[in-house]
Amino acid sequence: MSKYICEFVGTFALVFFGCATVLFMRSEVGLLGVAMAFGLSVVAMAYSIGPISGAHLNPAVSLGVFVSGRMKYRDLVGYVVAQCLGAIVASAVLYVMAQGKGGGYDVAANGFAQNGWSAYSATSAFCSKPSPHSSFCSSSCAPPPKAARALWRAWRSD
């Protein structure tokens, strides 16, 4: 049963992330970004569910494995059903998102990915007060943690 759940989750992820990129981000990421979304979804699922189910993610792949004699007919049916259900559920979730029926957040009113942290640089995470004049810390930087100093000393001593 866990093989079928893994195939459901894997196919859901592939369809959801790949098609969501096409629906919502196509103009921003272009063709290469869409291809990367599909490709990285496959890689992520291959690593996460591959050891359990083989990460077929596609009924055509499952059929090929069956024809080669490495899968029983009963497993083929379970895989195909799980993969089709995963794709249908992912498509339904994307449909609800694209229609705006989910509610709860309005991009026009609240903005997209606007959290107010754009005034700070990445180095601000290590400072108690970021400098308003540069992207680096002011003189009030917090000292590095003891573990980081110990790792630095150990690495330097080699």
N, C-alpha and C. Protein backbone atom coordinates (compact mmCIF):
# COMPACT_ATOMS: atom_id res chain seq x y z
N MET A 1 0.82 -1.20 0.00
CA MET A 1 0.00 0.00 0.00
C MET A 1 0.86 1.27 0.00
N SER A 2 2.01 1.24 0.70
CA SER A 2 2.86 2.44 0.76
C SER A 2 3.42 2.79 -0.61
N LYS A 3 3.61 1.80 -1.49
CA LYS A 3 4.08 2.08 -2.84
C LYS A 3 3.08 2.96 -3.58
N TYR A 4 1.82 2.64 -3.41
CA TYR A 4 0.77 3.37 -4.12
C TYR A 4 0.61 4.78 -3.56
N ILE A 5 0.74 4.93 -2.26
CA ILE A 5 0.67 6.26 -1.66
C ILE A 5 1.84 7.11 -2.14
N CYS A 6 3.02 6.50 -2.22
CA CYS A 6 4.19 7.23 -2.72
C CYS A 6 3.99 7.66 -4.16
N GLU A 7 3.44 6.82 -4.98
CA GLU A 7 3.19 7.20 -6.37
C GLU A 7 2.14 8.31 -6.45
N PHE A 8 1.13 8.26 -5.60
CA PHE A 8 0.13 9.33 -5.55
C PHE A 8 0.81 10.66 -5.20
N VAL A 9 1.61 10.66 -4.14
CA VAL A 9 2.28 11.88 -3.68
C VAL A 9 3.27 12.37 -4.75
N GLY A 10 4.01 11.47 -5.34
CA GLY A 10 4.99 11.86 -6.35
C GLY A 10 4.36 12.46 -7.59
N THR A 11 3.29 11.84 -8.07
CA THR A 11 2.61 12.38 -9.24
C THR A 11 1.91 13.69 -8.91
N PHE A 12 1.36 13.78 -7.71
CA PHE A 12 0.77 15.04 -7.26
C PHE A 12 1.82 16.15 -7.29
N ALA A 13 2.99 15.88 -6.73
CA ALA A 13 4.04 16.90 -6.68
C ALA A 13 4.49 17.30 -8.08
N LEU A 14 4.67 16.34 -8.95
CA LEU A 14 5.11 16.63 -10.31
C LEU A 14 4.10 17.52 -11.03
N VAL A 15 2.84 17.13 -11.00
CA VAL A 15 1.81 17.90 -11.69
C VAL A 15 1.61 19.25 -11.01
N PHE A 16 1.58 19.27 -9.69
CA PHE A 16 1.33 20.52 -8.97
C PHE A 16 2.43 21.54 -9.22
N PHE A 17 3.69 21.18 -8.97
CA PHE A 17 4.78 22.15 -9.11
C PHE A 17 5.03 22.53 -10.57
N GLY A 18 5.00 21.56 -11.44
CA GLY A 18 5.24 21.86 -12.84
C GLY A 18 4.14 22.72 -13.45
N CYS A 19 2.91 22.32 -13.25
CA CYS A 19 1.80 23.07 -13.84
C CYS A 19 1.56 24.39 -13.12
N ALA A 20 1.85 24.46 -11.83
CA ALA A 20 1.73 25.74 -11.11
C ALA A 20 2.74 26.74 -11.67
N THR A 21 3.91 26.28 -12.04
CA THR A 21 4.90 27.17 -12.64
C THR A 21 4.39 27.70 -13.97
N VAL A 22 3.77 26.83 -14.75
CA VAL A 22 3.21 27.27 -16.03
C VAL A 22 2.07 28.27 -15.80
N LEU A 23 1.19 27.98 -14.86
CA LEU A 23 0.03 28.84 -14.62
C LEU A 23 0.38 30.19 -14.04
N PHE A 24 1.25 30.21 -13.04
CA PHE A 24 1.44 31.41 -12.26
C PHE A 24 2.75 32.15 -12.52
N MET A 25 3.75 31.47 -13.05
CA MET A 25 5.08 32.10 -13.16
C MET A 25 5.68 32.02 -14.56
N ARG A 26 4.92 31.65 -15.55
CA ARG A 26 5.47 31.43 -16.89
C ARG A 26 6.20 32.66 -17.43
N SER A 27 5.62 33.83 -17.29
CA SER A 27 6.26 35.03 -17.85
C SER A 27 7.50 35.43 -17.06
N GLU A 28 7.56 35.09 -15.77
CA GLU A 28 8.71 35.46 -14.95
C GLU A 28 9.90 34.52 -15.15
N VAL A 29 9.64 33.22 -15.29
CA VAL A 29 10.74 32.26 -15.34
C VAL A 29 11.05 31.78 -16.76
N GLY A 30 10.14 31.95 -17.68
CA GLY A 30 10.36 31.53 -19.06
C GLY A 30 10.34 30.02 -19.23
N LEU A 31 10.71 29.61 -20.42
CA LEU A 31 10.68 28.19 -20.76
C LEU A 31 11.69 27.39 -19.94
N LEU A 32 12.85 27.96 -19.70
CA LEU A 32 13.86 27.26 -18.90
C LEU A 32 13.37 27.05 -17.46
N GLY A 33 12.71 28.04 -16.90
CA GLY A 33 12.19 27.91 -15.54
C GLY A 33 11.11 26.86 -15.43
N VAL A 34 10.27 26.78 -16.44
CA VAL A 34 9.22 25.75 -16.45
C VAL A 34 9.86 24.37 -16.54
N ALA A 35 10.84 24.23 -17.42
CA ALA A 35 11.54 22.95 -17.55
C ALA A 35 12.24 22.58 -16.25
N MET A 36 12.84 23.58 -15.58
CA MET A 36 13.51 23.31 -14.30
C MET A 36 12.50 22.89 -13.23
N ALA A 37 11.32 23.49 -13.24
CA ALA A 37 10.31 23.12 -12.26
C ALA A 37 9.91 21.66 -12.43
N PHE A 38 9.65 21.25 -13.65
CA PHE A 38 9.30 19.84 -13.89
C PHE A 38 10.49 18.93 -13.56
N GLY A 39 11.67 19.30 -14.02
CA GLY A 39 12.84 18.46 -13.80
C GLY A 39 13.21 18.32 -12.33
N LEU A 40 13.19 19.44 -11.61
CA LEU A 40 13.52 19.37 -10.19
C LEU A 40 12.45 18.63 -9.38
N SER A 41 11.20 18.70 -9.84
CA SER A 41 10.15 17.92 -9.18
C SER A 41 10.42 16.42 -9.33
N VAL A 42 10.83 16.04 -10.53
CA VAL A 42 11.14 14.62 -10.76
C VAL A 42 12.34 14.19 -9.91
N VAL A 43 13.38 15.03 -9.87
CA VAL A 43 14.57 14.68 -9.08
C VAL A 43 14.22 14.58 -7.59
N ALA A 44 13.46 15.54 -7.09
CA ALA A 44 13.08 15.51 -5.68
C ALA A 44 12.26 14.27 -5.35
N MET A 45 11.35 13.91 -6.22
CA MET A 45 10.54 12.71 -5.97
C MET A 45 11.36 11.44 -6.14
N ALA A 46 12.30 11.44 -7.06
CA ALA A 46 13.14 10.25 -7.23
C ALA A 46 13.95 9.97 -5.98
N TYR A 47 14.47 11.03 -5.36
CA TYR A 47 15.23 10.86 -4.13
C TYR A 47 14.34 10.53 -2.94
N SER A 48 13.15 11.12 -2.88
CA SER A 48 12.32 10.92 -1.69
C SER A 48 11.49 9.65 -1.74
N ILE A 49 10.88 9.33 -2.86
CA ILE A 49 10.03 8.14 -2.90
C ILE A 49 10.62 7.02 -3.75
N GLY A 50 11.71 7.29 -4.43
CA GLY A 50 12.32 6.28 -5.29
C GLY A 50 12.67 4.97 -4.59
N PRO A 51 13.25 5.03 -3.39
CA PRO A 51 13.58 3.77 -2.72
C PRO A 51 12.35 2.93 -2.35
N ILE A 52 11.19 3.55 -2.26
CA ILE A 52 9.98 2.82 -1.86
C ILE A 52 9.23 2.28 -3.07
N SER A 53 8.98 3.16 -4.06
CA SER A 53 8.12 2.75 -5.16
C SER A 53 8.82 2.75 -6.52
N GLY A 54 10.00 3.28 -6.60
CA GLY A 54 10.68 3.38 -7.87
C GLY A 54 10.44 4.72 -8.56
N ALA A 55 9.55 5.53 -8.03
CA ALA A 55 9.25 6.87 -8.54
C ALA A 55 8.96 6.86 -10.03
N HIS A 56 7.98 6.07 -10.44
CA HIS A 56 7.61 6.05 -11.86
C HIS A 56 6.95 7.36 -12.26
N LEU A 57 6.04 7.86 -11.45
CA LEU A 57 5.37 9.15 -11.63
C LEU A 57 4.58 9.29 -12.92
N ASN A 58 4.47 8.24 -13.69
CA ASN A 58 3.84 8.32 -14.99
C ASN A 58 3.35 6.92 -15.37
N PRO A 59 2.09 6.79 -15.76
CA PRO A 59 1.60 5.45 -16.15
C PRO A 59 2.38 4.83 -17.30
N ALA A 60 2.94 5.64 -18.19
CA ALA A 60 3.72 5.09 -19.30
C ALA A 60 4.99 4.41 -18.79
N VAL A 61 5.61 4.98 -17.76
CA VAL A 61 6.80 4.36 -17.18
C VAL A 61 6.42 3.06 -16.50
N SER A 62 5.31 3.08 -15.77
CA SER A 62 4.84 1.86 -15.10
C SER A 62 4.51 0.77 -16.12
N LEU A 63 3.90 1.15 -17.23
CA LEU A 63 3.60 0.18 -18.28
C LEU A 63 4.88 -0.40 -18.86
N GLY A 64 5.89 0.43 -19.05
CA GLY A 64 7.17 -0.06 -19.55
C GLY A 64 7.82 -1.04 -18.60
N VAL A 65 7.74 -0.76 -17.30
CA VAL A 65 8.30 -1.68 -16.31
C VAL A 65 7.52 -2.98 -16.31
N PHE A 66 6.20 -2.91 -16.49
CA PHE A 66 5.37 -4.12 -16.55
C PHE A 66 5.71 -4.95 -17.79
N VAL A 67 5.83 -4.29 -18.93
CA VAL A 67 6.13 -5.01 -20.18
C VAL A 67 7.49 -5.67 -20.11
N SER A 68 8.43 -5.05 -19.40
CA SER A 68 9.77 -5.65 -19.28
C SER A 68 9.78 -6.82 -18.31
N GLY A 69 8.67 -7.07 -17.62
CA GLY A 69 8.56 -8.21 -16.72
C GLY A 69 9.03 -7.95 -15.31
N ARG A 70 9.23 -6.70 -14.94
CA ARG A 70 9.71 -6.38 -13.60
C ARG A 70 8.61 -5.92 -12.66
N MET A 71 7.34 -6.08 -13.09
CA MET A 71 6.21 -5.69 -12.25
C MET A 71 5.04 -6.62 -12.53
N LYS A 72 4.31 -6.95 -11.48
CA LYS A 72 3.12 -7.78 -11.63
C LYS A 72 1.95 -6.93 -12.11
N TYR A 73 0.96 -7.60 -12.72
CA TYR A 73 -0.21 -6.90 -13.24
C TYR A 73 -0.96 -6.17 -12.13
N ARG A 74 -1.07 -6.80 -10.98
CA ARG A 74 -1.78 -6.19 -9.86
C ARG A 74 -1.10 -4.88 -9.42
N ASP A 75 0.22 -4.88 -9.40
CA ASP A 75 0.95 -3.66 -9.06
C ASP A 75 0.78 -2.59 -10.13
N LEU A 76 0.75 -3.01 -11.40
CA LEU A 76 0.55 -2.06 -12.49
C LEU A 76 -0.76 -1.31 -12.31
N VAL A 77 -1.83 -2.04 -12.02
CA VAL A 77 -3.13 -1.40 -11.83
C VAL A 77 -3.10 -0.43 -10.66
N GLY A 78 -2.49 -0.83 -9.55
CA GLY A 78 -2.39 0.04 -8.38
C GLY A 78 -1.58 1.29 -8.67
N TYR A 79 -0.48 1.13 -9.38
CA TYR A 79 0.36 2.28 -9.72
C TYR A 79 -0.39 3.26 -10.62
N VAL A 80 -1.04 2.72 -11.66
CA VAL A 80 -1.75 3.59 -12.61
C VAL A 80 -2.89 4.33 -11.93
N VAL A 81 -3.63 3.65 -11.08
CA VAL A 81 -4.73 4.30 -10.35
C VAL A 81 -4.18 5.39 -9.43
N ALA A 82 -3.12 5.09 -8.70
CA ALA A 82 -2.54 6.08 -7.78
C ALA A 82 -1.99 7.28 -8.55
N GLN A 83 -1.32 7.03 -9.66
CA GLN A 83 -0.76 8.12 -10.46
C GLN A 83 -1.86 9.00 -11.06
N CYS A 84 -2.90 8.38 -11.58
CA CYS A 84 -4.00 9.16 -12.15
C CYS A 84 -4.72 9.97 -11.08
N LEU A 85 -4.94 9.37 -9.93
CA LEU A 85 -5.58 10.11 -8.83
C LEU A 85 -4.71 11.26 -8.36
N GLY A 86 -3.41 11.05 -8.25
CA GLY A 86 -2.50 12.12 -7.85
C GLY A 86 -2.54 13.28 -8.82
N ALA A 87 -2.57 12.99 -10.11
CA ALA A 87 -2.62 14.04 -11.13
C ALA A 87 -3.96 14.77 -11.10
N ILE A 88 -5.04 14.03 -10.90
CA ILE A 88 -6.37 14.65 -10.85
C ILE A 88 -6.51 15.56 -9.63
N VAL A 89 -6.04 15.10 -8.48
CA VAL A 89 -6.13 15.91 -7.26
C VAL A 89 -5.26 17.16 -7.39
N ALA A 90 -4.06 17.03 -7.93
CA ALA A 90 -3.20 18.19 -8.13
C ALA A 90 -3.85 19.19 -9.08
N SER A 91 -4.46 18.68 -10.13
CA SER A 91 -5.15 19.56 -11.08
C SER A 91 -6.32 20.26 -10.42
N ALA A 92 -7.05 19.56 -9.57
CA ALA A 92 -8.17 20.18 -8.87
C ALA A 92 -7.70 21.28 -7.92
N VAL A 93 -6.60 21.03 -7.22
CA VAL A 93 -6.05 22.06 -6.32
C VAL A 93 -5.61 23.28 -7.11
N LEU A 94 -4.95 23.06 -8.24
CA LEU A 94 -4.53 24.18 -9.08
C LEU A 94 -5.73 24.93 -9.65
N TYR A 95 -6.79 24.21 -10.00
CA TYR A 95 -8.00 24.85 -10.50
C TYR A 95 -8.60 25.78 -9.44
N VAL A 96 -8.68 25.29 -8.21
CA VAL A 96 -9.22 26.11 -7.13
C VAL A 96 -8.33 27.34 -6.90
N MET A 97 -7.03 27.14 -6.95
CA MET A 97 -6.11 28.27 -6.77
C MET A 97 -6.24 29.28 -7.90
N ALA A 98 -6.31 28.80 -9.13
CA ALA A 98 -6.37 29.70 -10.28
C ALA A 98 -7.69 30.47 -10.33
N GLN A 99 -8.75 29.87 -9.86
CA GLN A 99 -10.05 30.55 -9.85
C GLN A 99 -10.18 31.51 -8.69
N GLY A 100 -9.27 31.43 -7.72
CA GLY A 100 -9.33 32.31 -6.56
C GLY A 100 -10.42 31.92 -5.59
N LYS A 101 -10.86 30.68 -5.62
CA LYS A 101 -11.95 30.22 -4.75
C LYS A 101 -11.47 29.82 -3.37
N GLY A 102 -10.15 29.72 -3.20
CA GLY A 102 -9.62 29.33 -1.89
C GLY A 102 -9.83 30.41 -0.85
N GLY A 103 -9.76 31.65 -1.26
CA GLY A 103 -9.99 32.78 -0.36
C GLY A 103 -8.92 32.92 0.70
N GLY A 104 -9.02 33.99 1.47
CA GLY A 104 -8.13 34.18 2.59
C GLY A 104 -6.95 35.09 2.32
N TYR A 105 -6.56 35.28 1.07
CA TYR A 105 -5.41 36.14 0.76
C TYR A 105 -5.66 36.81 -0.57
N ASP A 106 -5.50 38.10 -0.61
CA ASP A 106 -5.71 38.87 -1.83
C ASP A 106 -4.37 39.48 -2.25
N VAL A 107 -3.83 39.02 -3.35
CA VAL A 107 -2.54 39.51 -3.81
C VAL A 107 -2.62 40.99 -4.16
N ALA A 108 -3.71 41.43 -4.74
CA ALA A 108 -3.85 42.83 -5.12
C ALA A 108 -3.81 43.74 -3.89
N ALA A 109 -4.43 43.30 -2.80
CA ALA A 109 -4.49 44.13 -1.60
C ALA A 109 -3.23 44.02 -0.75
N ASN A 110 -2.69 42.83 -0.63
CA ASN A 110 -1.57 42.59 0.29
C ASN A 110 -0.21 42.54 -0.39
N GLY A 111 -0.17 42.42 -1.68
CA GLY A 111 1.10 42.28 -2.38
C GLY A 111 1.57 40.83 -2.37
N PHE A 112 2.51 40.54 -3.24
CA PHE A 112 3.04 39.19 -3.32
C PHE A 112 4.44 39.16 -2.73
N ALA A 113 4.65 38.35 -1.72
CA ALA A 113 5.94 38.18 -1.06
C ALA A 113 6.45 39.49 -0.49
N GLN A 114 5.58 40.28 0.04
CA GLN A 114 5.95 41.56 0.66
C GLN A 114 5.95 41.39 2.16
N ASN A 115 7.12 41.32 2.75
CA ASN A 115 7.20 41.12 4.19
C ASN A 115 7.94 42.24 4.91
N GLY A 116 8.42 43.25 4.19
CA GLY A 116 9.07 44.38 4.83
C GLY A 116 10.54 44.18 5.13
N TRP A 117 11.12 43.06 4.76
CA TRP A 117 12.52 42.79 5.08
C TRP A 117 13.46 43.21 3.96
N SER A 118 12.96 43.83 2.93
CA SER A 118 13.82 44.18 1.80
C SER A 118 14.86 45.25 2.15
N ALA A 119 14.67 45.97 3.25
CA ALA A 119 15.63 47.00 3.64
C ALA A 119 16.90 46.41 4.25
N TYR A 120 16.90 45.12 4.57
CA TYR A 120 18.02 44.48 5.23
C TYR A 120 18.76 43.57 4.27
N SER A 121 20.06 43.45 4.45
CA SER A 121 20.84 42.53 3.64
C SER A 121 20.96 41.19 4.36
N ALA A 122 21.60 40.24 3.71
CA ALA A 122 21.77 38.93 4.32
C ALA A 122 22.66 39.00 5.56
N THR A 123 23.61 39.92 5.58
CA THR A 123 24.49 40.04 6.75
C THR A 123 23.75 40.60 7.96
N SER A 124 22.58 41.17 7.76
CA SER A 124 21.81 41.69 8.88
C SER A 124 21.39 40.60 9.85
N ALA A 125 21.38 39.37 9.40
CA ALA A 125 21.01 38.27 10.28
C ALA A 125 22.03 38.07 11.39
N PHE A 126 23.27 38.55 11.19
CA PHE A 126 24.32 38.36 12.17
C PHE A 126 24.62 39.62 12.98
N CYS A 127 23.84 40.66 12.78
CA CYS A 127 24.09 41.93 13.46
C CYS A 127 22.93 42.28 14.38
N SER A 128 23.27 42.96 15.46
CA SER A 128 22.20 43.44 16.32
C SER A 128 21.56 44.70 15.75
N LYS A 129 22.33 45.52 15.04
CA LYS A 129 21.82 46.72 14.38
C LYS A 129 22.48 46.83 13.01
N PRO A 130 21.70 46.67 11.93
CA PRO A 130 22.32 46.83 10.61
C PRO A 130 22.66 48.28 10.35
N SER A 131 23.75 48.48 9.63
CA SER A 131 24.18 49.82 9.29
C SER A 131 23.29 50.39 8.20
N PRO A 132 22.77 51.61 8.36
CA PRO A 132 21.93 52.19 7.31
C PRO A 132 22.74 52.65 6.11
N HIS A 133 24.08 52.72 6.23
CA HIS A 133 24.91 53.27 5.18
C HIS A 133 25.59 52.22 4.31
N SER A 134 25.56 50.97 4.70
CA SER A 134 26.20 49.95 3.88
C SER A 134 25.45 48.64 4.03
N SER A 135 25.81 47.69 3.18
CA SER A 135 25.15 46.39 3.25
C SER A 135 25.81 45.49 4.29
N PHE A 136 26.89 45.97 4.91
CA PHE A 136 27.55 45.17 5.94
C PHE A 136 27.14 45.67 7.32
N CYS A 137 27.52 44.93 8.31
CA CYS A 137 27.14 45.26 9.68
C CYS A 137 27.87 46.50 10.16
N SER A 138 27.26 47.17 11.10
CA SER A 138 27.94 48.28 11.76
C SER A 138 28.85 47.70 12.84
N SER A 139 29.36 48.53 13.70
CA SER A 139 30.30 48.06 14.72
C SER A 139 29.61 47.22 15.80
N SER A 140 28.31 47.10 15.74
CA SER A 140 27.60 46.35 16.79
C SER A 140 27.28 44.92 16.38
N CYS A 141 28.18 44.29 15.64
CA CYS A 141 27.95 42.90 15.23
C CYS A 141 28.00 41.98 16.44
N ALA A 142 27.15 41.00 16.39
CA ALA A 142 27.15 40.01 17.45
C ALA A 142 28.34 39.08 17.24
N PRO A 143 28.97 38.63 18.32
CA PRO A 143 30.10 37.71 18.14
C PRO A 143 29.62 36.36 17.62
N PRO A 144 30.46 35.65 16.89
CA PRO A 144 30.02 34.34 16.39
C PRO A 144 29.82 33.37 17.55
N PRO A 145 28.91 32.44 17.38
CA PRO A 145 28.68 31.46 18.45
C PRO A 145 29.93 30.64 18.74
N LYS A 146 29.99 30.07 19.94
CA LYS A 146 31.15 29.29 20.34
C LYS A 146 31.41 28.12 19.40
N ALA A 147 30.35 27.49 18.94
CA ALA A 147 30.52 26.33 18.06
C ALA A 147 31.16 26.75 16.74
N ALA A 148 30.76 27.91 16.21
CA ALA A 148 31.35 28.38 14.96
C ALA A 148 32.82 28.71 15.14
N ARG A 149 33.17 29.32 16.27
CA ARG A 149 34.59 29.63 16.52
C ARG A 149 35.39 28.35 16.68
N ALA A 150 34.82 27.36 17.35
CA ALA A 150 35.53 26.09 17.54
C ALA A 150 35.75 25.39 16.20
N LEU A 151 34.74 25.41 15.34
CA LEU A 151 34.89 24.81 14.01
C LEU A 151 35.94 25.55 13.19
N TRP A 152 35.95 26.88 13.28
CA TRP A 152 36.94 27.67 12.56
C TRP A 152 38.35 27.34 13.02
N ARG A 153 38.54 27.23 14.32
CA ARG A 153 39.88 26.90 14.85
C ARG A 153 40.30 25.49 14.40
N ALA A 154 39.37 24.55 14.46
CA ALA A 154 39.70 23.17 14.07
C ALA A 154 40.05 23.11 12.58
N TRP A 155 39.33 23.85 11.76
CA TRP A 155 39.59 23.84 10.33
C TRP A 155 40.92 24.52 10.02
N ARG A 156 41.21 25.61 10.70
CA ARG A 156 42.44 26.36 10.47
C ARG A 156 43.68 25.60 10.92
N SER A 157 43.52 24.75 11.93
CA SER A 157 44.68 24.04 12.46
C SER A 157 45.14 22.90 11.56
N ASP A 158 44.32 22.47 10.61
CA ASP A 158 44.71 21.37 9.71
C ASP A 158 45.67 21.76 8.68
